[in-house]
Amino acid sequence: MAGGGNKLSAAKVAKHGTAGYLLDGLGLYLQVTLRSSLKPSKGKTTAASSVTKSWCFRYRDRSTGRLRELGLGPYPDVSLEEARKIAAELRDILRQGKDPKEVRDEKRASLKIEAVKGMTFDEATAACIAGMRSGWKNEKHADQWTNTLATYASPVIGALPVSAIDLPLIRKVLDPIWTTKNETASRVRQRIESVLAWATVSGYRSGDNPARWRGHLDHLLAKPSKVQKTEHHAALAYPKLPEFMSELHKRNGMACLALEFTILTAARTGEVIAARWDEIDLEKKLWTVPAERMKAGKEHTVPLSLRAVQMLKTLSKAKTSQYVFPTEGADSPLSNMAMYALLKRMGRPEITVHGFRSTFRDWAGEQTHFPREIIEHALAHQLKDKAEAAYSRSTMPEKRRKLMDAWAEYCLKVGSEPQHPSKKVKRA
């Protein structure tokens, strides 16, 4: 860096078109490079518009003596005056006995860390949900996570950096709803814990998770079992079911058919509305629900009663969709609220679709002699007794078929004969 500086002028920098390095002095250089598409001509100066220019700073590494070079930015984005200011700052760093490259790298790393720490809780929530979405069986899980956190957590901590969220902020979210809406509050806590855990593993925060329960919040908040009332899905008492079925048969629409099929098979809403024709074997009178749509994550085979088979045969003659119970005029399944809306129209808002599984369970346990394990298999429940589960490896489809036939006979024993499915589909 011997010799003085300021050897260049703004005009010379702008007009110079010869490839190579142009010295301004005191370590500052203008690097001129031919555009890759051009062929250099020997002994000729290339037009300034045909080259690219950038600034660099050269200095000797004090420990090795090797020449090092730092880029300062392209010209004209960085002017001659600005390049001289940057070079002066780098010479100050050298006078302090530090390496300019190391100092710059540390500064960039620090800025990157600060930017990372700036990720808000709302941003972390979106990223966390996106990462877990592929592992969820049902799209509604993403909606539930998004909605609960948007309602209860976001107004308090949504705009804050995840690195700044601590115990007092978690309490500020949970305290107002812990005793009044404990089931919801517990889910909010679990989801906040998951988001913060994701943020920690991803490098956006460090330290303990302030939303964890065991050994932490369990010492500060009442146990859910002490403040939470267990609410079961409202169910129709089985003695009233035949009358309900008779009333259902007087109505039209695809939701009516889906609800009857749900009751006859003792299946869950999601299993029924997403049922596809390639899952149905009318010859063998079986419906095979794939593992990804089952709560337990295992494939489930449902023996179909005579009435269920009759419904499916008639529906198959007029099918226009891959789904057994499609939305009218579309190749998409019924909404998961379609059957609930039907119950409201029937004046039965006090019962739930899922509750018909309890109706089936109560009837089978009190009115039949079928073994408990057969009833549990019909509901696709996992047997809690491990020894019993190991002994009963078969799902006993033929024994379950007798159970489902008896159930269908009970459902239809009172009232008028059910309407032909085709009559209902026409007005769906």
Protein backbone atom coordinates (compact mmCIF):
# COMPACT_ATOMS: atom_id res chain seq x y z
CA MET A 1 0.00 0.00 0.00
CA ALA A 2 2.97 2.29 -0.65
CA GLY A 3 2.35 5.63 -2.32
CA GLY A 4 -0.48 8.07 -2.00
CA GLY A 5 -4.09 7.70 -2.89
CA ASN A 6 -6.70 9.41 -5.04
CA LYS A 7 -4.95 8.56 -8.32
CA LEU A 8 -8.24 8.10 -10.19
CA SER A 9 -10.89 10.58 -11.25
CA ALA A 10 -14.60 9.94 -11.64
CA ALA A 11 -14.30 10.55 -15.41
CA LYS A 12 -11.47 8.05 -15.81
CA VAL A 13 -13.35 5.39 -13.83
CA ALA A 14 -16.41 5.89 -16.04
CA LYS A 15 -14.54 5.79 -19.39
CA HIS A 16 -11.85 3.16 -18.73
CA GLY A 17 -12.46 -0.01 -20.80
CA THR A 18 -9.23 -2.03 -20.58
CA ALA A 19 -9.49 -5.33 -18.69
CA GLY A 20 -7.36 -5.52 -15.55
CA TYR A 21 -6.79 -3.63 -12.30
CA LEU A 22 -6.69 0.17 -12.08
CA LEU A 23 -4.97 1.51 -8.94
CA ASP A 24 -6.46 4.40 -6.98
CA GLY A 25 -3.89 4.01 -4.19
CA LEU A 26 -3.65 2.89 -0.56
CA GLY A 27 -4.97 -0.58 -1.43
CA LEU A 28 -8.02 0.49 -3.45
CA TYR A 29 -8.38 -0.89 -6.99
CA LEU A 30 -10.96 -0.79 -9.77
CA GLN A 31 -11.25 -4.23 -11.38
CA VAL A 32 -12.36 -4.18 -15.02
CA THR A 33 -13.63 -7.42 -16.59
CA LEU A 34 -14.78 -8.16 -20.14
CA ARG A 35 -18.32 -9.46 -20.48
CA SER A 36 -18.20 -13.23 -21.07
CA SER A 37 -19.93 -12.96 -24.45
CA LEU A 38 -17.21 -10.73 -25.92
CA LYS A 39 -13.92 -11.79 -27.47
CA PRO A 40 -10.98 -9.56 -26.46
CA SER A 41 -9.05 -7.81 -29.20
CA LYS A 42 -5.25 -7.62 -28.83
CA GLY A 43 -3.95 -4.16 -28.22
CA LYS A 44 -7.34 -2.55 -28.38
CA THR A 45 -9.32 -0.81 -25.68
CA THR A 46 -12.85 -2.16 -25.30
CA ALA A 47 -15.76 0.27 -25.02
CA ALA A 48 -16.66 0.99 -21.40
CA SER A 49 -20.20 -0.30 -22.01
CA SER A 50 -18.80 -3.76 -22.86
CA VAL A 51 -17.11 -4.41 -19.52
CA THR A 52 -18.12 -4.81 -15.90
CA LYS A 53 -16.38 -2.90 -13.13
CA SER A 54 -16.09 -3.47 -9.41
CA TRP A 55 -14.04 -2.20 -6.48
CA CYS A 56 -11.66 -4.26 -4.39
CA PHE A 57 -9.26 -3.70 -1.51
CA ARG A 58 -5.89 -5.46 -1.39
CA TYR A 59 -3.75 -5.97 1.71
CA ARG A 60 -1.18 -8.35 3.19
CA ASP A 61 -2.19 -10.90 5.83
CA ARG A 62 0.02 -10.00 8.81
CA SER A 63 0.43 -13.58 10.00
CA THR A 64 1.17 -15.21 6.62
CA GLY A 65 2.24 -12.30 4.44
CA ARG A 66 -0.10 -13.52 1.72
CA LEU A 67 -1.96 -11.00 -0.44
CA ARG A 68 -5.68 -10.92 0.30
CA GLU A 69 -8.45 -9.22 -1.62
CA LEU A 70 -11.88 -7.99 -0.49
CA GLY A 71 -14.66 -7.04 -2.88
CA LEU A 72 -16.28 -3.69 -2.09
CA GLY A 73 -19.14 -3.78 -4.58
CA PRO A 74 -19.83 -3.08 -8.27
CA TYR A 75 -19.40 0.22 -10.07
CA PRO A 76 -21.43 2.42 -10.55
CA ASP A 77 -23.56 1.10 -7.63
CA VAL A 78 -20.58 2.01 -5.46
CA SER A 79 -19.09 5.31 -6.59
CA LEU A 80 -15.40 6.27 -6.44
CA GLU A 81 -16.06 8.43 -3.38
CA GLU A 82 -17.94 5.65 -1.56
CA ALA A 83 -15.22 3.11 -2.40
CA ARG A 84 -12.56 5.42 -0.89
CA LYS A 85 -14.60 5.72 2.35
CA ILE A 86 -14.92 1.94 2.65
CA ALA A 87 -11.20 1.48 1.95
CA ALA A 88 -10.38 4.03 4.66
CA GLU A 89 -12.46 2.04 7.18
CA LEU A 90 -10.62 -1.14 6.23
CA ARG A 91 -7.22 0.59 6.72
CA ASP A 92 -8.39 1.63 10.22
CA ILE A 93 -9.13 -2.02 11.00
CA LEU A 94 -5.63 -2.98 9.82
CA ARG A 95 -4.08 -0.31 12.07
CA GLN A 96 -5.93 -1.89 15.01
CA GLY A 97 -4.13 -5.15 14.27
CA LYS A 98 -7.28 -6.91 13.02
CA ASP A 99 -7.98 -8.67 9.76
CA PRO A 100 -10.58 -6.77 7.65
CA LYS A 101 -12.00 -9.97 6.14
CA GLU A 102 -12.49 -11.60 9.54
CA VAL A 103 -14.11 -8.45 10.92
CA ARG A 104 -16.46 -8.25 7.93
CA ASP A 105 -17.37 -11.96 8.19
CA GLU A 106 -18.14 -11.57 11.91
CA LYS A 107 -20.32 -8.54 11.22
CA ARG A 108 -22.25 -10.37 8.50
CA ALA A 109 -22.76 -13.39 10.78
CA SER A 110 -24.00 -11.10 13.55
CA LEU A 111 -26.46 -9.41 11.21
CA LYS A 112 -27.67 -12.80 10.02
CA ILE A 113 -28.24 -13.94 13.60
CA GLU A 114 -30.16 -10.77 14.38
CA ALA A 115 -32.30 -11.25 11.29
CA VAL A 116 -32.99 -14.85 12.30
CA LYS A 117 -33.92 -13.81 15.82
CA GLY A 118 -36.36 -11.36 14.31
CA MET A 119 -38.71 -14.16 13.12
CA THR A 120 -42.06 -13.52 14.76
CA PHE A 121 -44.24 -16.09 16.48
CA ASP A 122 -46.82 -15.80 13.68
CA GLU A 123 -44.13 -16.48 11.07
CA ALA A 124 -42.81 -19.42 13.09
CA THR A 125 -46.36 -20.78 13.42
CA ALA A 126 -46.88 -20.71 9.65
CA ALA A 127 -43.54 -22.42 9.02
CA CYS A 128 -44.13 -25.02 11.73
CA ILE A 129 -47.60 -25.91 10.38
CA ALA A 130 -46.24 -26.13 6.83
CA GLY A 131 -43.59 -28.58 8.02
CA MET A 132 -46.05 -30.82 9.87
CA ARG A 133 -48.87 -30.69 7.31
CA SER A 134 -47.64 -33.69 5.30
CA GLY A 135 -47.75 -35.85 8.42
CA TRP A 136 -51.35 -35.06 9.27
CA LYS A 137 -54.08 -37.40 8.02
CA ASN A 138 -56.67 -34.67 7.79
CA GLU A 139 -56.34 -31.15 6.38
CA LYS A 140 -58.57 -29.86 9.17
CA HIS A 141 -55.64 -30.25 11.63
CA ALA A 142 -53.85 -27.38 9.91
CA ASP A 143 -57.01 -25.27 10.15
CA GLN A 144 -57.44 -26.10 13.84
CA TRP A 145 -53.83 -25.15 14.62
CA THR A 146 -54.06 -21.95 12.61
CA ASN A 147 -57.41 -20.90 14.09
CA THR A 148 -56.67 -21.60 17.76
CA LEU A 149 -53.28 -19.88 17.69
CA ALA A 150 -54.65 -16.96 15.68
CA THR A 151 -57.49 -16.52 18.19
CA TYR A 152 -55.67 -16.91 21.50
CA ALA A 153 -51.89 -16.61 20.97
CA SER A 154 -51.42 -14.21 18.08
CA PRO A 155 -53.07 -11.15 19.72
CA VAL A 156 -50.58 -11.43 22.59
CA ILE A 157 -47.34 -12.80 21.10
CA GLY A 158 -47.92 -13.03 17.34
CA ALA A 159 -45.85 -9.97 16.39
CA LEU A 160 -43.03 -10.67 18.86
CA PRO A 161 -39.77 -12.42 17.93
CA VAL A 162 -39.86 -16.07 18.98
CA SER A 163 -36.54 -15.45 20.75
CA ALA A 164 -38.27 -12.99 23.11
CA ILE A 165 -41.16 -15.22 24.24
CA ASP A 166 -40.83 -16.10 27.90
CA LEU A 167 -42.91 -17.48 30.78
CA PRO A 168 -44.78 -14.24 31.63
CA LEU A 169 -45.93 -13.97 28.01
CA ILE A 170 -47.09 -17.60 27.99
CA ARG A 171 -49.05 -16.93 31.18
CA LYS A 172 -50.57 -13.84 29.55
CA VAL A 173 -51.94 -16.09 26.79
CA LEU A 174 -53.14 -18.95 29.00
CA ASP A 175 -54.35 -17.37 32.25
CA PRO A 176 -57.55 -15.79 30.85
CA ILE A 177 -58.80 -19.13 29.43
CA TRP A 178 -57.19 -21.80 31.62
CA THR A 179 -60.16 -22.30 33.94
CA THR A 180 -63.00 -21.18 31.67
CA LYS A 181 -61.95 -22.95 28.45
CA ASN A 182 -59.46 -25.47 29.71
CA GLU A 183 -59.71 -28.00 26.91
CA THR A 184 -59.05 -25.25 24.36
CA ALA A 185 -56.36 -23.69 26.56
CA SER A 186 -54.57 -27.04 26.85
CA ARG A 187 -54.49 -27.38 23.07
CA VAL A 188 -53.22 -23.80 22.73
CA ARG A 189 -50.43 -24.53 25.22
CA GLN A 190 -49.42 -27.73 23.39
CA ARG A 191 -49.37 -25.94 20.05
CA ILE A 192 -47.35 -23.00 21.37
CA GLU A 193 -44.88 -25.51 22.84
CA SER A 194 -44.58 -27.21 19.44
CA VAL A 195 -44.04 -23.92 17.60
CA LEU A 196 -41.35 -22.81 20.06
CA ALA A 197 -39.70 -26.25 19.88
CA TRP A 198 -39.63 -25.94 16.08
CA ALA A 199 -38.13 -22.45 16.40
CA THR A 200 -35.41 -23.74 18.76
CA VAL A 201 -34.42 -26.66 16.54
CA SER A 202 -34.45 -24.32 13.53
CA GLY A 203 -32.07 -21.89 15.24
CA TYR A 204 -34.51 -19.02 15.81
CA ARG A 205 -34.39 -19.17 19.61
CA SER A 206 -32.42 -20.86 22.39
CA GLY A 207 -32.94 -21.99 25.95
CA ASP A 208 -35.81 -23.79 27.69
CA ASN A 209 -39.30 -23.95 26.24
CA PRO A 210 -41.51 -21.68 28.41
CA ALA A 211 -44.70 -23.44 27.25
CA ARG A 212 -43.69 -26.93 28.37
CA TRP A 213 -45.97 -28.58 30.92
CA ARG A 214 -44.07 -31.23 32.84
CA GLY A 215 -41.72 -29.83 35.46
CA HIS A 216 -42.68 -26.28 34.56
CA LEU A 217 -46.23 -25.03 33.98
CA ASP A 218 -47.64 -27.97 35.95
CA HIS A 219 -46.30 -26.18 39.06
CA LEU A 220 -48.07 -22.93 38.15
CA LEU A 221 -51.41 -23.90 36.56
CA ALA A 222 -54.18 -26.17 37.81
CA LYS A 223 -54.18 -29.65 36.31
CA PRO A 224 -56.61 -29.95 33.39
CA SER A 225 -58.33 -32.87 35.11
CA LYS A 226 -59.23 -30.56 38.01
CA VAL A 227 -60.80 -27.80 35.94
CA GLN A 228 -61.87 -29.59 32.78
CA LYS A 229 -65.23 -31.23 32.37
CA THR A 230 -65.10 -34.24 30.07
CA GLU A 231 -67.57 -33.72 27.27
CA HIS A 232 -68.61 -36.72 25.19
CA HIS A 233 -70.16 -36.48 21.75
CA ALA A 234 -73.91 -36.11 22.24
CA ALA A 235 -75.55 -39.39 21.22
CA LEU A 236 -79.07 -40.57 20.49
CA ALA A 237 -80.33 -43.26 22.86
CA TYR A 238 -80.56 -46.50 20.88
CA PRO A 239 -84.28 -47.15 21.64
CA LYS A 240 -85.01 -43.92 19.71
CA LEU A 241 -82.86 -44.83 16.70
CA PRO A 242 -85.44 -46.76 14.61
CA GLU A 243 -87.82 -43.80 14.84
CA PHE A 244 -84.98 -41.47 13.83
CA MET A 245 -84.15 -43.66 10.83
CA SER A 246 -87.81 -43.62 9.78
CA GLU A 247 -87.72 -39.81 9.88
CA LEU A 248 -84.46 -39.77 7.96
CA HIS A 249 -85.97 -41.92 5.18
CA LYS A 250 -88.58 -39.23 4.52
CA ARG A 251 -85.88 -36.76 3.51
CA ASN A 252 -83.95 -36.36 0.29
CA GLY A 253 -80.34 -35.50 -0.48
CA MET A 254 -76.85 -36.92 -0.58
CA ALA A 255 -76.28 -35.90 3.04
CA CYS A 256 -79.23 -38.14 4.04
CA LEU A 257 -77.65 -41.11 2.30
CA ALA A 258 -74.23 -40.37 3.80
CA LEU A 259 -75.72 -40.12 7.30
CA GLU A 260 -77.62 -43.42 6.94
CA PHE A 261 -74.48 -45.13 5.62
CA THR A 262 -72.50 -43.66 8.53
CA ILE A 263 -75.00 -45.05 11.02
CA LEU A 264 -75.20 -48.49 9.35
CA THR A 265 -71.41 -48.87 9.28
CA ALA A 266 -70.72 -47.22 12.68
CA ALA A 267 -67.96 -45.29 10.89
CA ARG A 268 -66.52 -41.85 11.50
CA THR A 269 -67.53 -38.81 9.45
CA GLY A 270 -64.18 -38.42 7.71
CA GLU A 271 -64.08 -42.09 6.73
CA VAL A 272 -67.52 -41.88 5.09
CA ILE A 273 -67.44 -38.55 3.25
CA ALA A 274 -64.09 -39.39 1.62
CA ALA A 275 -65.12 -42.96 0.70
CA ARG A 276 -64.19 -43.78 -2.92
CA TRP A 277 -65.62 -46.38 -5.25
CA ASP A 278 -62.30 -48.20 -5.53
CA GLU A 279 -62.60 -49.01 -1.79
CA ILE A 280 -65.93 -50.80 -2.28
CA ASP A 281 -66.25 -54.50 -3.19
CA LEU A 282 -69.94 -55.10 -3.82
CA GLU A 283 -69.44 -58.77 -4.58
CA LYS A 284 -67.77 -59.49 -1.26
CA LYS A 285 -69.92 -56.84 0.48
CA LEU A 286 -66.85 -55.12 1.94
CA TRP A 287 -65.64 -51.57 2.30
CA THR A 288 -61.89 -51.20 2.90
CA VAL A 289 -60.90 -47.88 4.42
CA PRO A 290 -57.21 -47.07 3.80
CA ALA A 291 -54.88 -46.55 6.73
CA GLU A 292 -54.30 -42.85 6.01
CA ARG A 293 -57.98 -42.12 6.70
CA MET A 294 -58.21 -44.13 9.90
CA LYS A 295 -57.63 -42.61 13.32
CA ALA A 296 -55.42 -45.53 14.36
CA GLY A 297 -53.46 -45.39 11.11
CA LYS A 298 -54.37 -48.99 10.17
CA GLU A 299 -56.46 -50.24 7.27
CA HIS A 300 -60.01 -51.10 8.35
CA THR A 301 -62.40 -53.48 6.59
CA VAL A 302 -66.13 -52.91 7.11
CA PRO A 303 -68.60 -55.75 6.38
CA LEU A 304 -71.61 -54.20 4.62
CA SER A 305 -75.19 -55.05 5.55
CA LEU A 306 -77.83 -55.81 2.90
CA ARG A 307 -79.29 -52.29 3.18
CA ALA A 308 -75.81 -50.69 2.79
CA VAL A 309 -75.13 -52.82 -0.29
CA GLN A 310 -78.51 -51.88 -1.80
CA MET A 311 -77.71 -48.19 -1.33
CA LEU A 312 -74.31 -48.57 -2.96
CA LYS A 313 -75.57 -50.58 -5.92
CA THR A 314 -78.15 -47.95 -6.77
CA LEU A 315 -75.69 -45.09 -6.27
CA SER A 316 -73.12 -46.83 -8.47
CA LYS A 317 -75.51 -46.84 -11.43
CA ALA A 318 -75.62 -43.05 -11.46
CA LYS A 319 -72.10 -42.25 -10.23
CA THR A 320 -70.38 -39.20 -11.70
CA SER A 321 -67.47 -38.99 -9.25
CA GLN A 322 -64.74 -41.10 -7.72
CA TYR A 323 -66.40 -40.38 -4.38
CA VAL A 324 -69.35 -42.42 -3.14
CA PHE A 325 -70.99 -39.36 -1.57
CA PRO A 326 -69.92 -36.40 -3.74
CA THR A 327 -70.85 -32.76 -3.67
CA GLU A 328 -73.47 -32.11 -6.32
CA GLY A 329 -71.93 -31.34 -9.72
CA ALA A 330 -68.33 -31.75 -8.57
CA ASP A 331 -65.72 -34.45 -8.22
CA SER A 332 -65.22 -33.68 -4.55
CA PRO A 333 -66.58 -35.23 -1.35
CA LEU A 334 -69.35 -33.83 0.80
CA SER A 335 -68.35 -31.20 3.32
CA ASN A 336 -67.59 -32.58 6.76
CA MET A 337 -70.39 -30.32 8.02
CA ALA A 338 -73.05 -31.62 5.60
CA MET A 339 -74.42 -34.30 7.95
CA TYR A 340 -74.32 -32.00 10.97
CA ALA A 341 -76.27 -29.39 9.00
CA LEU A 342 -78.81 -32.11 8.15
CA LEU A 343 -79.29 -32.90 11.85
CA LYS A 344 -79.97 -29.22 12.50
CA ARG A 345 -82.55 -29.15 9.71
CA MET A 346 -84.18 -32.18 11.29
CA GLY A 347 -84.46 -30.27 14.55
CA ARG A 348 -81.84 -32.47 16.26
CA PRO A 349 -79.02 -30.03 17.05
CA GLU A 350 -78.49 -31.72 20.42
CA ILE A 351 -76.98 -34.86 18.84
CA THR A 352 -73.82 -35.30 16.79
CA VAL A 353 -72.90 -37.53 13.87
CA HIS A 354 -70.04 -39.04 15.84
CA GLY A 355 -72.50 -39.80 18.64
CA PHE A 356 -74.12 -42.53 16.54
CA ARG A 357 -71.02 -44.64 17.19
CA SER A 358 -71.90 -44.46 20.89
CA THR A 359 -75.48 -45.38 20.02
CA PHE A 360 -74.15 -48.48 18.23
CA ARG A 361 -71.80 -49.33 21.11
CA ASP A 362 -74.55 -49.07 23.71
CA TRP A 363 -76.97 -51.18 21.64
CA ALA A 364 -74.36 -53.86 20.92
CA GLY A 365 -73.28 -54.05 24.56
CA GLU A 366 -76.77 -54.09 26.07
CA GLN A 367 -78.92 -55.80 23.46
CA THR A 368 -76.65 -58.45 21.90
CA HIS A 369 -74.41 -61.30 22.98
CA PHE A 370 -71.55 -60.45 20.67
CA PRO A 371 -68.14 -60.49 22.43
CA ARG A 372 -66.67 -57.15 23.39
CA GLU A 373 -63.63 -57.57 21.11
CA ILE A 374 -65.89 -57.99 18.06
CA ILE A 375 -67.79 -54.81 18.95
CA GLU A 376 -64.50 -52.94 19.44
CA HIS A 377 -63.19 -54.19 16.10
CA ALA A 378 -66.41 -53.00 14.43
CA LEU A 379 -65.67 -49.52 15.79
CA ALA A 380 -62.01 -49.80 14.69
CA HIS A 381 -60.93 -49.33 18.30
CA GLN A 382 -57.54 -50.49 19.47
CA LEU A 383 -57.93 -53.00 22.33
CA LYS A 384 -56.48 -51.48 25.49
CA ASP A 385 -55.54 -54.83 26.99
CA LYS A 386 -52.22 -55.73 25.31
CA ALA A 387 -52.56 -59.42 26.09
CA GLU A 388 -56.08 -59.47 24.64
CA ALA A 389 -54.92 -57.55 21.57
CA ALA A 390 -52.04 -59.98 21.00
CA TYR A 391 -54.37 -62.97 21.34
CA SER A 392 -56.98 -61.47 19.01
CA ARG A 393 -54.87 -60.75 15.94
CA SER A 394 -57.73 -61.32 13.50
CA THR A 395 -60.33 -58.60 12.95
CA MET A 396 -62.95 -61.39 12.57
CA PRO A 397 -64.76 -59.99 9.51
CA GLU A 398 -67.39 -62.73 9.26
CA LYS A 399 -68.35 -62.46 12.93
CA ARG A 400 -68.50 -58.70 12.50
CA ARG A 401 -70.70 -59.15 9.45
CA LYS A 402 -73.32 -60.88 11.63
CA LEU A 403 -73.09 -57.98 14.08
CA MET A 404 -73.55 -55.35 11.35
CA ASP A 405 -76.47 -57.29 9.81
CA ALA A 406 -78.17 -57.37 13.22
CA TRP A 407 -77.50 -53.64 13.65
CA ALA A 408 -79.03 -52.80 10.27
CA GLU A 409 -82.07 -54.93 11.06
CA TYR A 410 -82.52 -53.06 14.35
CA CYS A 411 -82.10 -49.64 12.68
CA LEU A 412 -84.80 -50.41 10.12
CA LYS A 413 -87.25 -52.39 12.22
CA VAL A 414 -89.72 -49.51 12.87
CA GLY A 415 -91.43 -47.15 10.43
CA SER A 416 -91.74 -47.06 6.67
CA GLU A 417 -89.40 -48.73 4.21
CA PRO A 418 -86.45 -46.53 3.25
CA GLN A 419 -86.69 -44.57 0.04
CA HIS A 420 -84.86 -45.79 -3.04
CA PRO A 421 -81.46 -44.06 -3.08
CA SER A 422 -81.91 -42.86 -6.65
CA LYS A 423 -84.93 -40.79 -5.60
CA LYS A 424 -82.79 -39.03 -3.00
CA VAL A 425 -79.86 -38.37 -5.33
CA LYS A 426 -82.06 -36.58 -7.86
CA ARG A 427 -82.75 -33.83 -5.35
CA ALA A 428 -79.34 -33.85 -3.67
